[in-house]
Amino acid sequence: MRKCLRCTVEMVEGLDIKVEGGAYGIKVTQQGVFKDNLGKFKCAVCPECGYTETYIENPERVKKLIVDKK
C-alpha cells in the first residue's frame, strides 16, 4: 500500500502508463543496444489530490544490476 507523500491518503496502485496515441507502454532498460528489459513502469495516483508516482513493477531486476557490478 502506497500513501500519498502530500496528503497521506492511500493511493490507487498498479495503473499502466501508456504513450498517448499508442497501445504500448514505457519500459526501463540498461543503456546500450539490445539490453535486457528491467521492468515495466506502473503508477499510483492519489484520489484526493492527484499526485502521481511512478515505480517499476519488479525491482529485483534492478537490484541484480548492483550485485553484478560488485
C-alpha atoms as a PDB file:
ATOM      1  CA  MET A   1       0.000   0.000   0.000  1.00  0.00           C
ATOM      2  CA  ARG A   2       1.404   3.351  -1.062  1.00  0.00           C
ATOM      3  CA  LYS A   3       0.449   6.519   0.735  1.00  0.00           C
ATOM      4  CA  CYS A   4       0.452   9.918  -0.921  1.00  0.00           C
ATOM      5  CA  LEU A   5       3.512  11.947   0.035  1.00  0.00           C
ATOM      6  CA  ARG A   6       1.434  15.126   0.048  1.00  0.00           C
ATOM      7  CA  CYS A   7      -1.790  14.266   1.867  1.00  0.00           C
ATOM      8  CA  THR A   8      -1.145  10.710   3.221  1.00  0.00           C
ATOM      9  CA  VAL A   9      -4.254   9.217   1.564  1.00  0.00           C
ATOM     10  CA  GLU A  10      -3.985   5.637   0.249  1.00  0.00           C
ATOM     11  CA  MET A  11      -3.079   5.700  -3.439  1.00  0.00           C
ATOM     12  CA  VAL A  12      -4.625   3.682  -6.263  1.00  0.00           C
ATOM     13  CA  GLU A  13      -1.777   1.408  -7.442  1.00  0.00           C
ATOM     14  CA  GLY A  14      -0.943  -0.796 -10.397  1.00  0.00           C
ATOM     15  CA  LEU A  15      -2.041   1.597 -13.108  1.00  0.00           C
ATOM     16  CA  ASP A  16      -0.389   1.374 -16.524  1.00  0.00           C
ATOM     17  CA  ILE A  17       1.425   4.243 -18.220  1.00  0.00           C
ATOM     18  CA  LYS A  18       0.788   4.484 -21.957  1.00  0.00           C
ATOM     19  CA  VAL A  19       2.052   6.851 -24.616  1.00  0.00           C
ATOM     20  CA  GLU A  20      -0.908   8.818 -25.933  1.00  0.00           C
ATOM     21  CA  GLY A  21      -1.891   7.532 -29.354  1.00  0.00           C
ATOM     22  CA  GLY A  22      -0.064   4.234 -28.862  1.00  0.00           C
ATOM     23  CA  ALA A  23      -1.086   0.942 -27.297  1.00  0.00           C
ATOM     24  CA  TYR A  24       2.397   0.287 -25.903  1.00  0.00           C
ATOM     25  CA  GLY A  25       3.747   1.268 -22.522  1.00  0.00           C
ATOM     26  CA  ILE A  26       7.098   2.595 -21.382  1.00  0.00           C
ATOM     27  CA  LYS A  27       9.841   0.232 -20.225  1.00  0.00           C
ATOM     28  CA  VAL A  28      13.170   0.641 -18.448  1.00  0.00           C
ATOM     29  CA  THR A  29      16.341  -0.828 -19.966  1.00  0.00           C
ATOM     30  CA  GLN A  30      20.075  -0.546 -19.410  1.00  0.00           C
ATOM     31  CA  GLN A  31      21.921   1.839 -21.707  1.00  0.00           C
ATOM     32  CA  GLY A  32      23.039   0.336 -24.984  1.00  0.00           C
ATOM     33  CA  VAL A  33      21.586  -1.677 -27.800  1.00  0.00           C
ATOM     34  CA  PHE A  34      19.822  -4.975 -27.101  1.00  0.00           C
ATOM     35  CA  LYS A  35      19.997  -4.681 -23.303  1.00  0.00           C
ATOM     36  CA  ASP A  36      17.537  -6.565 -21.098  1.00  0.00           C
ATOM     37  CA  ASN A  37      14.226  -5.073 -20.153  1.00  0.00           C
ATOM     38  CA  LEU A  38      14.456  -4.171 -16.448  1.00  0.00           C
ATOM     39  CA  GLY A  39      10.766  -3.679 -15.904  1.00  0.00           C
ATOM     40  CA  LYS A  40       7.567  -2.037 -16.854  1.00  0.00           C
ATOM     41  CA  PHE A  41       6.605   1.303 -15.362  1.00  0.00           C
ATOM     42  CA  LYS A  42       3.496   1.355 -13.224  1.00  0.00           C
ATOM     43  CA  CYS A  43       1.992   4.331 -11.482  1.00  0.00           C
ATOM     44  CA  ALA A  44      -0.012   5.111  -8.394  1.00  0.00           C
ATOM     45  CA  VAL A  45      -2.399   8.064  -8.213  1.00  0.00           C
ATOM     46  CA  CYS A  46      -3.766   9.804  -5.142  1.00  0.00           C
ATOM     47  CA  PRO A  47      -7.558  10.000  -5.454  1.00  0.00           C
ATOM     48  CA  GLU A  48      -7.606  13.086  -3.227  1.00  0.00           C
ATOM     49  CA  CYS A  49      -5.025  15.481  -4.704  1.00  0.00           C
ATOM     50  CA  GLY A  50      -3.995  13.772  -7.961  1.00  0.00           C
ATOM     51  CA  TYR A  51      -0.330  13.360  -7.021  1.00  0.00           C
ATOM     52  CA  THR A  52       1.140  10.665  -9.275  1.00  0.00           C
ATOM     53  CA  GLU A  53       4.136   8.458  -8.544  1.00  0.00           C
ATOM     54  CA  THR A  54       5.891   6.023 -10.883  1.00  0.00           C
ATOM     55  CA  TYR A  55       7.595   2.797  -9.900  1.00  0.00           C
ATOM     56  CA  ILE A  56       8.966  -0.329 -11.542  1.00  0.00           C
ATOM     57  CA  GLU A  57       6.854  -3.446 -11.368  1.00  0.00           C
ATOM     58  CA  ASN A  58       9.752  -5.783 -10.485  1.00  0.00           C
ATOM     59  CA  PRO A  59      12.633  -4.030  -8.629  1.00  0.00           C
ATOM     60  CA  GLU A  60      14.540  -7.323  -8.179  1.00  0.00           C
ATOM     61  CA  ARG A  61      15.936  -6.950 -11.711  1.00  0.00           C
ATOM     62  CA  VAL A  62      17.425  -3.564 -10.783  1.00  0.00           C
ATOM     63  CA  LYS A  63      18.877  -4.980  -7.545  1.00  0.00           C
ATOM     64  CA  LYS A  64      20.615  -7.653  -9.615  1.00  0.00           C
ATOM     65  CA  LEU A  65      22.473  -4.905 -11.550  1.00  0.00           C
ATOM     66  CA  ILE A  66      24.003  -3.653  -8.311  1.00  0.00           C
ATOM     67  CA  VAL A  67      25.085  -7.159  -7.258  1.00  0.00           C
ATOM     68  CA  ASP A  68      26.551  -7.875 -10.709  1.00  0.00           C
ATOM     69  CA  LYS A  69      28.729  -4.710 -10.559  1.00  0.00           C
ATOM     70  CA  LYS A  70      30.483  -5.852  -7.360  1.00  0.00           C
END
